[in-house]
Protein backbone atom coordinates (compact mmCIF):
# COMPACT_ATOMS: atom_id res chain seq x y z
CA MET A 1 -1.85 5.82 1.74
CA ILE A 2 0.20 2.98 0.21
CA SER A 3 -0.65 0.10 -2.13
CA ILE A 4 1.19 -2.45 -4.23
CA LYS A 5 0.28 -4.62 -7.21
CA LYS A 6 1.95 -6.98 -9.61
CA ILE A 7 2.52 -5.16 -12.91
CA ASN A 8 0.40 -7.58 -14.92
CA GLU A 9 -2.55 -6.87 -12.59
CA ALA A 10 -2.26 -3.08 -12.78
CA ILE A 11 -4.76 -2.58 -15.61
CA GLU A 12 -5.20 1.09 -14.64
CA LEU A 13 -1.69 1.79 -15.93
CA THR A 14 -2.76 1.19 -19.53
CA LEU A 15 -4.77 4.42 -19.69
CA PRO A 16 -3.24 7.91 -19.40
CA ARG A 17 -3.67 9.07 -15.82
CA ARG A 18 -2.06 10.95 -13.02
CA VAL A 19 -2.51 10.49 -9.31
CA LYS A 20 -1.57 12.47 -6.24
CA LYS A 21 0.75 9.68 -5.21
CA TYR A 22 4.37 8.72 -5.81
CA LEU A 23 4.93 5.60 -7.91
CA ILE A 24 7.76 3.08 -8.09
CA ILE A 25 7.76 0.58 -10.94
CA PHE A 26 10.19 -2.34 -10.68
CA VAL A 27 10.51 -4.86 -13.52
CA THR A 28 11.75 -8.33 -12.59
CA SER A 29 11.40 -9.93 -16.03
CA GLY A 30 10.32 -9.01 -19.53
CA SER A 31 10.17 -5.41 -20.72
CA LEU A 32 7.77 -2.54 -20.28
CA GLN A 33 7.22 0.59 -22.35
CA ILE A 34 5.93 3.57 -20.42
CA LYS A 35 5.28 7.19 -21.30
CA ILE A 36 5.77 9.76 -18.53
CA ASP A 37 4.56 13.22 -19.46
CA ASP A 38 6.04 13.69 -22.95
CA LYS A 39 8.91 11.16 -22.71
CA ASP A 40 9.08 7.43 -23.52
CA PHE A 41 10.97 4.84 -21.48
CA THR A 42 11.60 1.10 -21.90
CA LEU A 43 12.30 -0.89 -18.74
CA HIS A 44 13.95 -4.32 -18.75
CA ALA A 45 14.63 -6.84 -16.01
CA ASN A 46 15.96 -5.28 -12.78
CA ASP A 47 15.10 -1.74 -13.91
CA ILE A 48 13.29 0.64 -11.61
CA ILE A 49 11.72 4.01 -12.38
CA THR A 50 10.04 6.56 -10.13
CA ILE A 51 7.11 8.81 -11.06
CA THR A 52 6.45 12.01 -9.16
CA SER A 53 2.98 12.84 -7.87
CA GLY A 54 1.02 14.66 -10.55
CA GLN A 55 2.93 13.34 -13.57
CA PHE A 56 0.86 11.80 -16.35
CA HIS A 57 1.86 8.27 -17.27
CA PHE A 58 0.66 5.14 -19.04
CA VAL A 59 2.13 1.86 -20.30
CA LYS A 60 1.60 0.52 -23.79
CA SER A 61 1.38 -3.10 -22.65
CA ILE A 62 1.61 -5.02 -19.38
CA GLN A 63 1.57 -8.47 -20.96
CA ASN A 64 4.61 -10.73 -20.66
CA VAL A 65 6.19 -8.51 -18.00
CA LYS A 66 6.59 -9.24 -14.32
CA GLY A 67 7.34 -6.93 -11.44
CA PHE A 68 5.68 -4.55 -9.03
CA VAL A 69 3.94 -1.19 -9.01
CA LEU A 70 3.99 0.52 -5.64
CA ASP A 71 2.33 3.86 -4.89
CA PHE A 72 2.21 5.94 -1.73
CA THR A 73 1.15 9.37 -0.60
CA TYR A 74 3.47 12.13 0.49
CA HIS A 75 1.88 12.16 3.95
CA PHE A 76 2.33 8.41 4.40
CA PHE A 77 6.05 8.58 3.81
CA ILE A 78 7.02 11.94 5.29
CA LYS A 79 7.55 11.69 9.03
CA ASP A 80 10.38 14.23 9.37
CA ASP A 81 12.83 16.31 7.34
CA ALA A 82 15.09 13.29 6.83
CA ASP A 83 12.25 11.58 4.95
CA VAL A 84 11.73 14.70 2.82
CA GLU A 85 15.39 14.65 1.85
CA LEU A 86 15.43 10.90 1.16
CA ILE A 87 12.39 10.86 -1.12
CA PHE A 88 13.85 13.61 -3.31
CA GLN A 89 17.56 12.86 -2.90
CA ASN A 90 19.44 12.44 -6.19
CA GLY A 91 16.25 13.31 -8.06
CA LEU A 92 14.52 10.03 -7.15
CA PHE A 93 11.15 11.76 -7.37
CA CYS A 94 12.08 14.75 -9.45
CA HIS A 95 10.02 17.93 -9.50
CA PHE A 96 11.82 18.93 -12.71
CA ASP A 97 10.40 16.00 -14.73
CA LEU A 98 13.78 14.35 -15.31
CA ASN A 99 12.63 10.75 -14.80
CA GLU A 100 15.36 8.17 -15.32
CA ILE A 101 15.66 4.40 -15.39
CA ASN A 102 17.88 2.88 -12.71
CA LYS A 103 19.45 -0.58 -13.02
CA ILE A 104 19.29 -2.33 -9.64
CA SER A 105 22.33 -4.49 -8.87
CA ASN A 106 20.93 -5.96 -5.63
CA ASN A 107 17.80 -7.01 -7.49
CA LYS A 108 16.93 -10.03 -5.33
CA ILE A 109 17.11 -7.97 -2.15
CA VAL A 110 14.90 -5.24 -3.66
CA GLU A 111 12.44 -7.82 -5.02
CA ASN A 112 12.15 -9.30 -1.52
CA TYR A 113 11.36 -5.85 -0.09
CA PHE A 114 8.48 -5.52 -2.56
CA ARG A 115 7.20 -9.00 -1.70
CA GLU A 116 7.45 -8.32 2.04
CA ILE A 117 5.53 -5.03 1.66
CA SER A 118 2.84 -6.87 -0.28
CA GLN A 119 2.53 -9.50 2.46
CA GLU A 120 2.45 -6.90 5.23
CA LEU A 121 -0.37 -5.00 3.55
CA VAL A 122 -2.42 -8.19 3.13
CA ILE A 123 -1.86 -9.67 6.59
CA GLN A 124 -1.67 -6.32 8.44
CA PRO A 125 0.25 -7.53 11.50
CA PHE A 126 0.98 -5.33 14.50
CA GLN A 127 2.70 -2.05 13.46
CA TYR A 128 2.66 -3.05 9.80
CA HIS A 129 2.60 0.58 8.65
CA THR A 130 5.89 1.19 10.46
CA SER A 131 7.37 -1.97 8.96
CA VAL A 132 6.22 -1.03 5.45
CA HIS A 133 7.61 2.49 5.87
CA CYS A 134 11.02 1.03 6.78
CA LYS A 135 11.05 -1.34 3.81
CA LEU A 136 10.05 1.48 1.47
CA LYS A 137 12.99 3.50 2.78
CA LEU A 138 15.27 0.54 2.04
CA ILE A 139 13.99 0.38 -1.56
CA LEU A 140 14.74 4.09 -1.99
CA ILE A 141 18.20 3.62 -0.47
CA GLU A 142 18.98 0.75 -2.86
CA THR A 143 17.78 2.87 -5.79
CA ASN A 144 19.98 5.73 -4.62
CA ARG A 145 22.95 3.37 -4.38
CA ALA A 146 22.28 2.13 -7.91
CA ARG A 147 22.33 5.71 -9.18
CA ILE A 148 25.62 6.44 -7.44
CA GLU A 149 27.14 3.18 -8.74
CA SER A 150 26.22 4.20 -12.30
CA GLY A 151 28.11 7.47 -11.95
CA TYR A 152 25.62 10.03 -10.69
CA GLU A 153 26.89 12.68 -8.33
CA ILE A 154 25.21 12.82 -4.93
CA TRP A 155 22.51 15.51 -4.86
CA LYS A 156 21.13 16.08 -1.38
CA PRO A 157 19.17 19.33 -1.18
CA ASP A 158 17.95 20.95 1.98
CA ALA A 159 14.47 19.93 3.22
CA LEU A 160 13.23 23.53 3.07
CA PHE A 161 14.09 23.75 -0.64
CA LEU A 162 12.19 20.53 -1.28
CA LYS A 163 9.20 21.76 0.72
CA PHE A 164 9.26 24.89 -1.44
CA LEU A 165 9.05 22.78 -4.62
CA GLU A 166 6.28 20.63 -3.17
CA PHE A 167 4.32 23.68 -2.04
CA VAL A 168 4.47 25.29 -5.48
CA ARG A 169 3.23 22.10 -7.17
CA ALA A 170 0.37 21.81 -4.69
CA ASN A 171 -0.83 25.38 -5.27
CA PHE A 172 -0.75 26.01 -9.01
CA ASP A 173 -4.33 27.30 -9.06
CA ASN A 174 -3.53 30.02 -6.53
CA ASN A 175 -0.71 31.56 -8.61
CA LEU A 176 1.01 32.70 -5.41
CA GLN A 177 3.78 35.26 -5.44
CA LEU A 178 7.19 34.33 -4.07
CA CYS A 179 6.69 36.53 -1.01
CA GLU A 180 3.42 34.71 -0.22
CA ILE A 181 5.08 31.31 -0.58
CA ALA A 182 7.95 32.36 1.69
CA ASN A 183 5.43 33.53 4.27
CA LYS A 184 3.52 30.23 4.12
CA LEU A 185 6.77 28.32 4.63
CA LYS A 186 7.79 30.63 7.49
CA THR A 187 10.96 31.74 5.72
CA THR A 188 12.12 34.61 3.50
CA GLU A 189 12.44 35.26 -0.22
CA LEU A 190 16.17 35.71 0.34
CA LYS A 191 16.47 32.24 1.86
CA LEU A 192 14.45 30.59 -0.93
CA ASN A 193 16.60 32.29 -3.55
CA GLU A 194 19.76 31.22 -1.76
CA LEU A 195 18.62 27.58 -1.66
CA SER A 196 17.33 27.64 -5.25
CA LYS A 197 20.62 28.93 -6.61
CA LYS A 198 22.57 26.43 -4.52
CA PHE A 199 20.56 23.32 -5.46
CA ALA A 200 19.17 24.17 -8.90
CA GLY A 201 21.31 27.02 -10.23
CA LYS A 202 18.22 29.19 -10.73
CA THR A 203 16.36 31.89 -8.87
CA ALA A 204 13.32 30.81 -6.90
CA GLN A 205 11.09 32.72 -9.31
CA ASN A 206 12.54 30.91 -12.33
CA ILE A 207 11.95 27.59 -10.60
CA ILE A 208 8.30 28.58 -10.09
CA TYR A 209 8.04 29.50 -13.79
CA GLY A 210 9.49 26.11 -14.76
CA LEU A 211 7.08 24.16 -12.57
CA ILE A 212 4.10 26.15 -13.90
CA THR A 213 5.22 25.50 -17.47
CA SER A 214 5.48 21.74 -16.87
CA GLU A 215 1.97 21.70 -15.43
CA ALA A 216 0.64 23.73 -18.38
CA GLN A 217 2.18 21.19 -20.76
CA ARG A 218 0.38 18.36 -18.96
CA LEU A 219 -2.95 20.15 -19.10
CA LEU A 220 -2.57 20.91 -22.80
CA ILE A 221 -1.43 17.41 -23.79
CA TYR A 222 -3.35 15.05 -21.52
CA GLU A 223 -6.44 16.97 -20.49
CA ASN A 224 -6.74 18.66 -23.89
CA LEU A 225 -7.69 21.99 -22.28
CA ASN A 226 -7.80 25.08 -24.43
CA VAL A 227 -5.67 28.12 -23.69
CA LYS A 228 -8.33 29.88 -21.62
CA GLU A 229 -9.06 26.79 -19.52
CA THR A 230 -5.37 26.11 -18.95
CA ALA A 231 -4.72 29.70 -17.96
CA PHE A 232 -7.52 29.71 -15.39
CA ARG A 233 -6.46 26.33 -13.95
CA LEU A 234 -3.04 27.86 -13.31
CA GLY A 235 -4.33 31.04 -11.71
CA PHE A 236 -3.88 33.36 -14.71
CA ASN A 237 -6.72 35.85 -15.10
CA ASP A 238 -5.64 36.83 -18.62
CA PRO A 239 -5.30 34.02 -21.23
CA PHE A 240 -3.31 36.34 -23.51
CA TYR A 241 -0.78 36.96 -20.74
CA PHE A 242 -0.59 33.20 -20.13
CA SER A 243 0.04 32.55 -23.86
CA ASN A 244 2.93 35.02 -23.86
CA PHE A 245 4.32 33.47 -20.68
CA PHE A 246 4.11 29.95 -22.14
CA LYS A 247 5.74 30.92 -25.42
CA LYS A 248 8.57 32.65 -23.59
CA GLN A 249 9.24 29.47 -21.63
CA THR A 250 8.89 26.88 -24.42
CA LYS A 251 9.43 28.86 -27.67
CA LEU A 252 6.02 27.56 -28.81
CA SER A 253 2.54 28.99 -28.41
CA PRO A 254 0.16 26.82 -26.33
CA GLN A 255 -1.79 25.97 -29.51
CA ASN A 256 1.32 24.89 -31.42
CA TYR A 257 2.65 22.93 -28.47
CA GLN A 258 -0.67 21.11 -28.22
CA LYS A 259 -0.62 20.24 -31.93
CA LYS A 260 2.96 19.02 -31.77
CA PHE A 261 2.73 16.79 -28.71
CA HIS A 262 -0.94 15.82 -28.36
CA ILE A 263 -1.27 12.06 -27.90
């Protein structure tokens, strides 16, 4: 549900992996180089970065760096629509793979939240899950404030739009049509299109295409799947159709993309 480690103890981060959890990495001293999907980032003291569930990531070295790695599941954090909106507000955990480093100004306060969460999870006092949930919310709020202070515009999408994104990412293998997704979410295609255009400037279908493409890129780069395997993992019955779809989205064939970006 939720766990926390010191960075220098998180040996699992040194190998490419992805987990069905949301990660927060906070560096208190030193520097850390991390690759998230196909992008490289370098974190320094008081930097924080968030990694969305399902994104591949690994660090090149965890020596001579201090800080915390916290991970939690969607179901641990989400208690109501307000939590849905907070976790994805301002792109904190971004479905569109636009991870960014945030410089925390109230670094001592945020560091204390991490330490308190660590203590709560070890001691497990009465209602510790509730306490940890509250402190996690405070970390996200401080990260949001840091983004706003650095000049980002406030982006607060509707909970239904965010549930739409989360549903698509959780059902890649089913290759569901927009009408089926709308039905599962107890809404309409019209409503999903309205929200998609409002919060992302795209149609709902184009958002689905983008999310599928990002997942295909991960499978090709990190799992080294061939075209046929990737197509079937994403619910495509015809590998040739998948290849055409992928090339239309990325301007590269799956084979050429794999050669260009394979780690």
